[in-house]
Amino acid sequence: MHASILVIALGAALAATGAARAQAPAGKTLESTIIGADVRQEEATAAEKQNKVLAAIDKTADNLGAVRKATWADRVDIVFLRDAAREEGRGLPSKIEDRVKEHKGEIARLQQEIEANALLFHAIDSRRVLPQDVLAVDFEPAGRVVIYAAARPPQ
């Protein structure tokens, strides 16, 4: 009796695993689709990356849908704007701060979409970045996603 229950449970587990893998893109398992992206980090000052951050903030409204739909990336780069981290107390350079204020609602929606996206949330969480520290996301060719965060890198 116990053996037949075990066989039934094992069969159900294997069927569920097969169904999950069947939904992933060809050649990728569901697990690699969610967490298989190469996550890299870079440290910079906000002034060094100002033009890229401003351009990415300007594309926030357009990128909301892409963030919502992102299930795969070859690489996720997290750019830590260490001097803009809350712990540092210096804040953002005035140009970036003005642009953040101008796009405040869009950036708040972006942060919510990142929280709801398994791939991007896992990427930032793996580097101890909070969604509210994300300023912008940029989608680049060849499956690369760049996330700009006003945060210090993990030590």
N, C-alpha and C. Protein backbone atom coordinates (compact mmCIF):
# COMPACT_ATOMS: atom_id res chain seq x y z
N MET A 1 0.83 -1.19 0.00
CA MET A 1 0.00 0.00 0.00
C MET A 1 0.87 1.24 0.00
N HIS A 2 1.86 1.31 0.89
CA HIS A 2 2.73 2.47 0.98
C HIS A 2 3.55 2.64 -0.29
N ALA A 3 3.96 1.53 -0.89
CA ALA A 3 4.76 1.59 -2.11
C ALA A 3 3.96 2.18 -3.26
N SER A 4 2.69 1.86 -3.36
CA SER A 4 1.88 2.41 -4.45
C SER A 4 1.65 3.91 -4.28
N ILE A 5 1.53 4.38 -3.05
CA ILE A 5 1.39 5.82 -2.79
C ILE A 5 2.67 6.53 -3.19
N LEU A 6 3.82 5.92 -2.85
CA LEU A 6 5.11 6.50 -3.20
C LEU A 6 5.27 6.59 -4.72
N VAL A 7 4.87 5.56 -5.43
CA VAL A 7 4.97 5.54 -6.89
C VAL A 7 4.08 6.63 -7.50
N ILE A 8 2.89 6.78 -6.98
CA ILE A 8 1.97 7.80 -7.48
C ILE A 8 2.54 9.19 -7.21
N ALA A 9 3.07 9.44 -6.02
CA ALA A 9 3.65 10.75 -5.69
C ALA A 9 4.86 11.04 -6.56
N LEU A 10 5.70 10.03 -6.78
CA LEU A 10 6.88 10.21 -7.62
C LEU A 10 6.47 10.51 -9.06
N GLY A 11 5.47 9.82 -9.55
CA GLY A 11 4.98 10.07 -10.91
C GLY A 11 4.42 11.48 -11.05
N ALA A 12 3.69 11.96 -10.06
CA ALA A 12 3.14 13.32 -10.10
C ALA A 12 4.26 14.36 -10.09
N ALA A 13 5.28 14.12 -9.28
CA ALA A 13 6.40 15.06 -9.22
C ALA A 13 7.14 15.10 -10.55
N LEU A 14 7.37 13.95 -11.17
CA LEU A 14 8.05 13.92 -12.47
C LEU A 14 7.21 14.59 -13.54
N ALA A 15 5.91 14.40 -13.51
CA ALA A 15 5.03 15.04 -14.49
C ALA A 15 5.07 16.55 -14.33
N ALA A 16 5.05 17.03 -13.10
CA ALA A 16 5.11 18.48 -12.86
C ALA A 16 6.42 19.06 -13.33
N THR A 17 7.52 18.35 -13.10
CA THR A 17 8.83 18.81 -13.56
C THR A 17 8.86 18.87 -15.08
N GLY A 18 8.33 17.86 -15.73
CA GLY A 18 8.29 17.85 -17.19
C GLY A 18 7.44 18.98 -17.74
N ALA A 19 6.31 19.27 -17.09
CA ALA A 19 5.46 20.36 -17.54
C ALA A 19 6.15 21.70 -17.40
N ALA A 20 6.87 21.89 -16.31
CA ALA A 20 7.60 23.15 -16.11
C ALA A 20 8.69 23.31 -17.15
N ARG A 21 9.41 22.23 -17.46
CA ARG A 21 10.47 22.32 -18.45
C ARG A 21 9.89 22.56 -19.85
N ALA A 22 8.72 22.04 -20.11
CA ALA A 22 8.12 22.20 -21.43
C ALA A 22 7.77 23.65 -21.71
N GLN A 23 7.59 24.48 -20.70
CA GLN A 23 7.23 25.87 -20.89
C GLN A 23 8.43 26.76 -21.14
N ALA A 24 9.62 26.27 -20.88
CA ALA A 24 10.84 27.06 -21.05
C ALA A 24 11.23 27.12 -22.52
N PRO A 25 12.00 28.14 -22.93
CA PRO A 25 12.47 28.21 -24.31
C PRO A 25 13.30 26.98 -24.66
N ALA A 26 13.37 26.67 -25.93
CA ALA A 26 14.11 25.50 -26.40
C ALA A 26 15.53 25.53 -25.87
N GLY A 27 15.99 24.40 -25.32
CA GLY A 27 17.35 24.30 -24.84
C GLY A 27 17.58 24.86 -23.45
N LYS A 28 16.56 25.39 -22.81
CA LYS A 28 16.71 25.96 -21.47
C LYS A 28 15.69 25.30 -20.55
N THR A 29 16.11 25.00 -19.34
CA THR A 29 15.13 24.54 -18.37
C THR A 29 14.50 25.76 -17.74
N LEU A 30 13.39 25.55 -17.09
CA LEU A 30 12.72 26.67 -16.43
C LEU A 30 13.63 27.32 -15.41
N GLU A 31 14.39 26.49 -14.69
CA GLU A 31 15.28 27.03 -13.68
C GLU A 31 16.30 27.97 -14.31
N SER A 32 16.91 27.57 -15.44
CA SER A 32 17.92 28.43 -16.06
C SER A 32 17.27 29.65 -16.70
N THR A 33 16.00 29.53 -17.05
CA THR A 33 15.31 30.70 -17.60
C THR A 33 15.13 31.76 -16.53
N ILE A 34 14.91 31.34 -15.30
CA ILE A 34 14.68 32.30 -14.23
C ILE A 34 16.00 32.79 -13.65
N ILE A 35 16.88 31.88 -13.30
CA ILE A 35 18.09 32.30 -12.60
C ILE A 35 19.37 32.02 -13.38
N GLY A 36 19.28 31.61 -14.62
CA GLY A 36 20.46 31.21 -15.38
C GLY A 36 21.26 32.35 -15.96
N ALA A 37 20.80 33.56 -15.85
CA ALA A 37 21.52 34.70 -16.42
C ALA A 37 22.81 34.94 -15.65
N ASP A 38 23.84 35.30 -16.37
CA ASP A 38 25.10 35.69 -15.75
C ASP A 38 24.90 37.06 -15.13
N VAL A 39 25.03 37.16 -13.81
CA VAL A 39 24.83 38.43 -13.11
C VAL A 39 26.21 39.00 -12.77
N ARG A 40 26.46 40.20 -13.26
CA ARG A 40 27.73 40.87 -13.01
C ARG A 40 27.46 42.20 -12.33
N GLN A 41 28.47 42.71 -11.68
CA GLN A 41 28.31 44.00 -11.02
C GLN A 41 29.47 44.91 -11.36
N GLU A 42 29.17 46.20 -11.29
CA GLU A 42 30.16 47.24 -11.57
C GLU A 42 29.95 48.36 -10.56
N GLU A 43 31.02 48.93 -10.08
CA GLU A 43 30.93 50.09 -9.20
C GLU A 43 31.29 51.34 -9.99
N ALA A 44 30.54 52.39 -9.76
CA ALA A 44 30.82 53.67 -10.42
C ALA A 44 30.24 54.78 -9.57
N THR A 45 30.63 55.98 -9.89
CA THR A 45 29.98 57.12 -9.25
C THR A 45 28.82 57.54 -10.15
N ALA A 46 27.88 58.21 -9.57
CA ALA A 46 26.74 58.69 -10.36
C ALA A 46 27.21 59.65 -11.44
N ALA A 47 28.22 60.45 -11.14
CA ALA A 47 28.74 61.40 -12.14
C ALA A 47 29.36 60.66 -13.33
N GLU A 48 30.05 59.54 -13.07
CA GLU A 48 30.68 58.77 -14.15
C GLU A 48 29.64 58.18 -15.10
N LYS A 49 28.52 57.79 -14.59
CA LYS A 49 27.48 57.13 -15.40
C LYS A 49 26.29 58.05 -15.68
N GLN A 50 26.43 59.32 -15.40
CA GLN A 50 25.30 60.24 -15.48
C GLN A 50 24.56 60.17 -16.81
N ASN A 51 25.24 60.25 -17.93
CA ASN A 51 24.56 60.26 -19.23
C ASN A 51 23.80 58.96 -19.48
N LYS A 52 24.39 57.83 -19.11
CA LYS A 52 23.71 56.54 -19.30
C LYS A 52 22.50 56.43 -18.39
N VAL A 53 22.64 56.88 -17.15
CA VAL A 53 21.53 56.82 -16.20
C VAL A 53 20.39 57.72 -16.67
N LEU A 54 20.71 58.93 -17.11
CA LEU A 54 19.68 59.86 -17.59
C LEU A 54 18.95 59.27 -18.80
N ALA A 55 19.69 58.68 -19.73
CA ALA A 55 19.07 58.08 -20.91
C ALA A 55 18.16 56.91 -20.52
N ALA A 56 18.62 56.10 -19.57
CA ALA A 56 17.81 54.97 -19.13
C ALA A 56 16.55 55.43 -18.39
N ILE A 57 16.67 56.48 -17.58
CA ILE A 57 15.50 57.02 -16.89
C ILE A 57 14.48 57.53 -17.90
N ASP A 58 14.96 58.19 -18.95
CA ASP A 58 14.06 58.71 -19.99
C ASP A 58 13.30 57.60 -20.71
N LYS A 59 13.85 56.38 -20.73
CA LYS A 59 13.20 55.25 -21.40
C LYS A 59 12.34 54.41 -20.45
N THR A 60 12.19 54.86 -19.21
CA THR A 60 11.49 54.05 -18.21
C THR A 60 10.08 53.67 -18.65
N ALA A 61 9.32 54.62 -19.13
CA ALA A 61 7.94 54.32 -19.54
C ALA A 61 7.91 53.25 -20.63
N ASP A 62 8.84 53.35 -21.58
CA ASP A 62 8.91 52.36 -22.66
C ASP A 62 9.38 51.01 -22.16
N ASN A 63 10.22 50.99 -21.12
CA ASN A 63 10.80 49.74 -20.62
C ASN A 63 9.91 49.00 -19.63
N LEU A 64 8.84 49.61 -19.16
CA LEU A 64 7.97 48.93 -18.20
C LEU A 64 7.44 47.61 -18.74
N GLY A 65 6.98 47.62 -19.97
CA GLY A 65 6.47 46.38 -20.58
C GLY A 65 7.56 45.34 -20.75
N ALA A 66 8.75 45.78 -21.13
CA ALA A 66 9.87 44.85 -21.30
C ALA A 66 10.26 44.22 -19.96
N VAL A 67 10.24 45.00 -18.90
CA VAL A 67 10.55 44.46 -17.58
C VAL A 67 9.49 43.45 -17.18
N ARG A 68 8.24 43.77 -17.44
CA ARG A 68 7.12 42.89 -17.08
C ARG A 68 7.26 41.54 -17.80
N LYS A 69 7.71 41.57 -19.05
CA LYS A 69 7.75 40.36 -19.88
C LYS A 69 9.09 39.63 -19.84
N ALA A 70 10.12 40.21 -19.24
CA ALA A 70 11.45 39.60 -19.26
C ALA A 70 11.47 38.28 -18.50
N THR A 71 11.80 37.22 -19.21
CA THR A 71 11.92 35.90 -18.59
C THR A 71 13.29 35.30 -18.84
N TRP A 72 14.10 35.97 -19.63
CA TRP A 72 15.40 35.44 -20.00
C TRP A 72 16.36 36.58 -20.30
N ALA A 73 17.60 36.38 -19.96
CA ALA A 73 18.67 37.31 -20.33
C ALA A 73 19.97 36.52 -20.30
N ASP A 74 20.85 36.82 -21.24
CA ASP A 74 22.18 36.22 -21.19
C ASP A 74 22.96 36.76 -20.01
N ARG A 75 22.78 38.06 -19.79
CA ARG A 75 23.58 38.72 -18.77
C ARG A 75 22.80 39.87 -18.15
N VAL A 76 22.92 40.01 -16.84
CA VAL A 76 22.34 41.14 -16.12
C VAL A 76 23.50 41.85 -15.44
N ASP A 77 23.71 43.11 -15.80
CA ASP A 77 24.74 43.93 -15.17
C ASP A 77 24.08 44.86 -14.17
N ILE A 78 24.57 44.85 -12.95
CA ILE A 78 24.07 45.78 -11.93
C ILE A 78 25.16 46.82 -11.73
N VAL A 79 24.82 48.07 -12.01
CA VAL A 79 25.77 49.16 -11.83
C VAL A 79 25.44 49.84 -10.52
N PHE A 80 26.36 49.71 -9.56
CA PHE A 80 26.20 50.32 -8.25
C PHE A 80 26.71 51.75 -8.29
N LEU A 81 25.82 52.69 -8.08
CA LEU A 81 26.20 54.09 -7.99
C LEU A 81 26.45 54.35 -6.50
N ARG A 82 27.62 53.94 -6.07
CA ARG A 82 27.93 53.85 -4.63
C ARG A 82 27.83 55.18 -3.91
N ASP A 83 28.16 56.29 -4.59
CA ASP A 83 28.10 57.58 -3.91
C ASP A 83 26.67 58.08 -3.74
N ALA A 84 25.73 57.47 -4.43
CA ALA A 84 24.33 57.87 -4.34
C ALA A 84 23.53 57.00 -3.37
N ALA A 85 24.17 56.02 -2.76
CA ALA A 85 23.49 55.14 -1.82
C ALA A 85 22.99 55.93 -0.62
N ARG A 86 21.84 55.54 -0.10
CA ARG A 86 21.26 56.21 1.07
C ARG A 86 22.23 56.23 2.24
N GLU A 87 22.97 55.14 2.40
CA GLU A 87 23.90 55.05 3.53
C GLU A 87 25.01 56.10 3.43
N GLU A 88 25.31 56.54 2.22
CA GLU A 88 26.39 57.51 2.02
C GLU A 88 25.93 58.93 2.36
N GLY A 89 24.65 59.19 2.21
CA GLY A 89 24.08 60.48 2.58
C GLY A 89 24.33 61.61 1.60
N ARG A 90 25.04 61.35 0.51
CA ARG A 90 25.33 62.42 -0.45
C ARG A 90 24.20 62.62 -1.45
N GLY A 91 23.50 61.56 -1.76
CA GLY A 91 22.41 61.66 -2.72
C GLY A 91 22.88 61.68 -4.16
N LEU A 92 21.95 61.86 -5.03
CA LEU A 92 22.21 61.87 -6.47
C LEU A 92 22.70 63.23 -6.93
N PRO A 93 23.49 63.25 -8.01
CA PRO A 93 23.82 64.55 -8.61
C PRO A 93 22.53 65.25 -9.03
N SER A 94 22.53 66.56 -9.06
CA SER A 94 21.30 67.32 -9.28
C SER A 94 20.60 66.97 -10.58
N LYS A 95 21.33 66.74 -11.66
CA LYS A 95 20.68 66.39 -12.94
C LYS A 95 19.92 65.08 -12.83
N ILE A 96 20.54 64.08 -12.20
CA ILE A 96 19.87 62.79 -12.04
C ILE A 96 18.71 62.92 -11.07
N GLU A 97 18.90 63.64 -9.99
CA GLU A 97 17.82 63.81 -9.02
C GLU A 97 16.62 64.51 -9.65
N ASP A 98 16.86 65.54 -10.47
CA ASP A 98 15.76 66.22 -11.16
C ASP A 98 15.02 65.27 -12.09
N ARG A 99 15.78 64.43 -12.80
CA ARG A 99 15.15 63.48 -13.74
C ARG A 99 14.38 62.42 -12.98
N VAL A 100 14.88 61.98 -11.83
CA VAL A 100 14.16 61.01 -11.00
C VAL A 100 12.84 61.61 -10.53
N LYS A 101 12.87 62.86 -10.09
CA LYS A 101 11.64 63.53 -9.65
C LYS A 101 10.65 63.66 -10.80
N GLU A 102 11.15 63.98 -11.98
CA GLU A 102 10.31 64.13 -13.17
C GLU A 102 9.62 62.81 -13.54
N HIS A 103 10.29 61.70 -13.33
CA HIS A 103 9.77 60.37 -13.70
C HIS A 103 9.41 59.54 -12.47
N LYS A 104 9.11 60.19 -11.37
CA LYS A 104 8.88 59.53 -10.09
C LYS A 104 7.86 58.39 -10.18
N GLY A 105 6.72 58.65 -10.78
CA GLY A 105 5.68 57.63 -10.89
C GLY A 105 6.11 56.45 -11.74
N GLU A 106 6.78 56.72 -12.85
CA GLU A 106 7.25 55.65 -13.73
C GLU A 106 8.31 54.80 -13.03
N ILE A 107 9.20 55.45 -12.28
CA ILE A 107 10.25 54.71 -11.58
C ILE A 107 9.62 53.85 -10.48
N ALA A 108 8.61 54.35 -9.80
CA ALA A 108 7.91 53.55 -8.78
C ALA A 108 7.28 52.31 -9.42
N ARG A 109 6.66 52.48 -10.60
CA ARG A 109 6.08 51.32 -11.31
C ARG A 109 7.18 50.36 -11.76
N LEU A 110 8.31 50.90 -12.20
CA LEU A 110 9.45 50.07 -12.59
C LEU A 110 9.91 49.21 -11.41
N GLN A 111 10.03 49.80 -10.27
CA GLN A 111 10.46 49.06 -9.08
C GLN A 111 9.46 47.97 -8.72
N GLN A 112 8.16 48.24 -8.88
CA GLN A 112 7.13 47.23 -8.63
C GLN A 112 7.23 46.09 -9.64
N GLU A 113 7.48 46.43 -10.90
CA GLU A 113 7.61 45.41 -11.94
C GLU A 113 8.84 44.53 -11.69
N ILE A 114 9.92 45.13 -11.22
CA ILE A 114 11.12 44.35 -10.91
C ILE A 114 10.83 43.40 -9.76
N GLU A 115 10.10 43.88 -8.76
CA GLU A 115 9.74 43.02 -7.62
C GLU A 115 8.91 41.83 -8.07
N ALA A 116 8.12 42.00 -9.10
CA ALA A 116 7.24 40.94 -9.58
C ALA A 116 7.90 40.06 -10.64
N ASN A 117 9.09 40.42 -11.10
CA ASN A 117 9.77 39.68 -12.15
C ASN A 117 10.82 38.77 -11.52
N ALA A 118 10.66 37.47 -11.67
CA ALA A 118 11.56 36.51 -11.02
C ALA A 118 13.01 36.68 -11.47
N LEU A 119 13.24 36.87 -12.74
CA LEU A 119 14.61 37.00 -13.26
C LEU A 119 15.31 38.23 -12.70
N LEU A 120 14.67 39.38 -12.84
CA LEU A 120 15.31 40.63 -12.42
C LEU A 120 15.36 40.75 -10.90
N PHE A 121 14.32 40.31 -10.22
CA PHE A 121 14.34 40.36 -8.77
C PHE A 121 15.45 39.46 -8.22
N HIS A 122 15.58 38.26 -8.77
CA HIS A 122 16.64 37.37 -8.31
C HIS A 122 18.02 38.01 -8.55
N ALA A 123 18.19 38.65 -9.70
CA ALA A 123 19.48 39.28 -10.01
C ALA A 123 19.83 40.35 -8.97
N ILE A 124 18.89 41.25 -8.69
CA ILE A 124 19.22 42.31 -7.72
C ILE A 124 19.33 41.75 -6.31
N ASP A 125 18.47 40.79 -5.98
CA ASP A 125 18.50 40.20 -4.65
C ASP A 125 19.82 39.45 -4.41
N SER A 126 20.36 38.86 -5.46
CA SER A 126 21.63 38.13 -5.32
C SER A 126 22.78 39.07 -5.00
N ARG A 127 22.60 40.36 -5.27
CA ARG A 127 23.63 41.36 -4.96
C ARG A 127 23.17 42.31 -3.84
N ARG A 128 22.11 41.91 -3.15
CA ARG A 128 21.58 42.65 -1.99
C ARG A 128 21.13 44.07 -2.34
N VAL A 129 20.51 44.22 -3.49
CA VAL A 129 19.95 45.50 -3.90
C VAL A 129 18.45 45.45 -3.64
N LEU A 130 17.93 46.48 -3.01
CA LEU A 130 16.49 46.57 -2.77
C LEU A 130 15.82 47.17 -4.01
N PRO A 131 14.61 46.74 -4.33
CA PRO A 131 13.92 47.31 -5.50
C PRO A 131 13.82 48.83 -5.45
N GLN A 132 13.63 49.41 -4.25
CA GLN A 132 13.49 50.86 -4.15
C GLN A 132 14.80 51.60 -4.43
N ASP A 133 15.91 50.88 -4.52
CA ASP A 133 17.19 51.51 -4.87
C ASP A 133 17.45 51.53 -6.37
N VAL A 134 16.61 50.86 -7.14
CA VAL A 134 16.78 50.83 -8.59
C VAL A 134 16.28 52.14 -9.18
N LEU A 135 17.14 52.78 -9.97
CA LEU A 135 16.79 54.04 -10.63
C LEU A 135 16.30 53.82 -12.04
N ALA A 136 16.90 52.86 -12.74
CA ALA A 136 16.57 52.65 -14.14
C ALA A 136 17.04 51.28 -14.61
N VAL A 137 16.45 50.82 -15.70
CA VAL A 137 16.83 49.57 -16.34
C VAL A 137 16.99 49.87 -17.82
N ASP A 138 18.04 49.31 -18.40
CA ASP A 138 18.27 49.50 -19.82
C ASP A 138 18.43 48.13 -20.47
N PHE A 139 17.74 47.92 -21.58
CA PHE A 139 17.84 46.68 -22.33
C PHE A 139 18.76 46.92 -23.51
N GLU A 140 19.83 46.15 -23.58
CA GLU A 140 20.81 46.29 -24.64
C GLU A 140 20.74 45.08 -25.55
N PRO A 141 21.34 45.18 -26.73
CA PRO A 141 21.32 44.04 -27.65
C PRO A 141 21.97 42.79 -27.06
N ALA A 142 21.70 41.69 -27.67
CA ALA A 142 22.29 40.39 -27.31
C ALA A 142 21.89 39.92 -25.92
N GLY A 143 20.70 40.26 -25.46
CA GLY A 143 20.20 39.73 -24.21
C GLY A 143 20.85 40.28 -22.96
N ARG A 144 21.34 41.50 -23.03
CA ARG A 144 21.99 42.12 -21.86
C ARG A 144 21.04 43.14 -21.24
N VAL A 145 20.89 43.06 -19.91
CA VAL A 145 20.07 44.00 -19.16
C VAL A 145 21.00 44.73 -18.19
N VAL A 146 20.88 46.06 -18.15
CA VAL A 146 21.68 46.85 -17.22
C VAL A 146 20.74 47.50 -16.22
N ILE A 147 21.03 47.30 -14.94
CA ILE A 147 20.23 47.87 -13.86
C ILE A 147 21.09 48.88 -13.12
N TYR A 148 20.62 50.11 -13.02
CA TYR A 148 21.33 51.16 -12.31
C TYR A 148 20.70 51.31 -10.92
N ALA A 149 21.54 51.18 -9.89
CA ALA A 149 21.04 51.21 -8.53
C ALA A 149 21.82 52.20 -7.68
N ALA A 150 21.10 52.99 -6.91
CA ALA A 150 21.72 53.91 -5.95
C ALA A 150 21.97 53.10 -4.68
N ALA A 151 23.03 52.31 -4.72
CA ALA A 151 23.33 51.39 -3.63
C ALA A 151 24.81 51.07 -3.61
N ARG A 152 25.25 50.60 -2.46
CA ARG A 152 26.63 50.13 -2.33
C ARG A 152 26.65 48.63 -2.64
N PRO A 153 27.72 48.16 -3.26
CA PRO A 153 27.80 46.72 -3.53
C PRO A 153 27.96 45.93 -2.24
N PRO A 154 27.56 44.65 -2.25
CA PRO A 154 27.72 43.84 -1.05
C PRO A 154 29.20 43.64 -0.76
N GLN A 155 29.49 43.51 0.49
CA GLN A 155 30.91 43.36 0.88
C GLN A 155 31.26 41.92 1.15
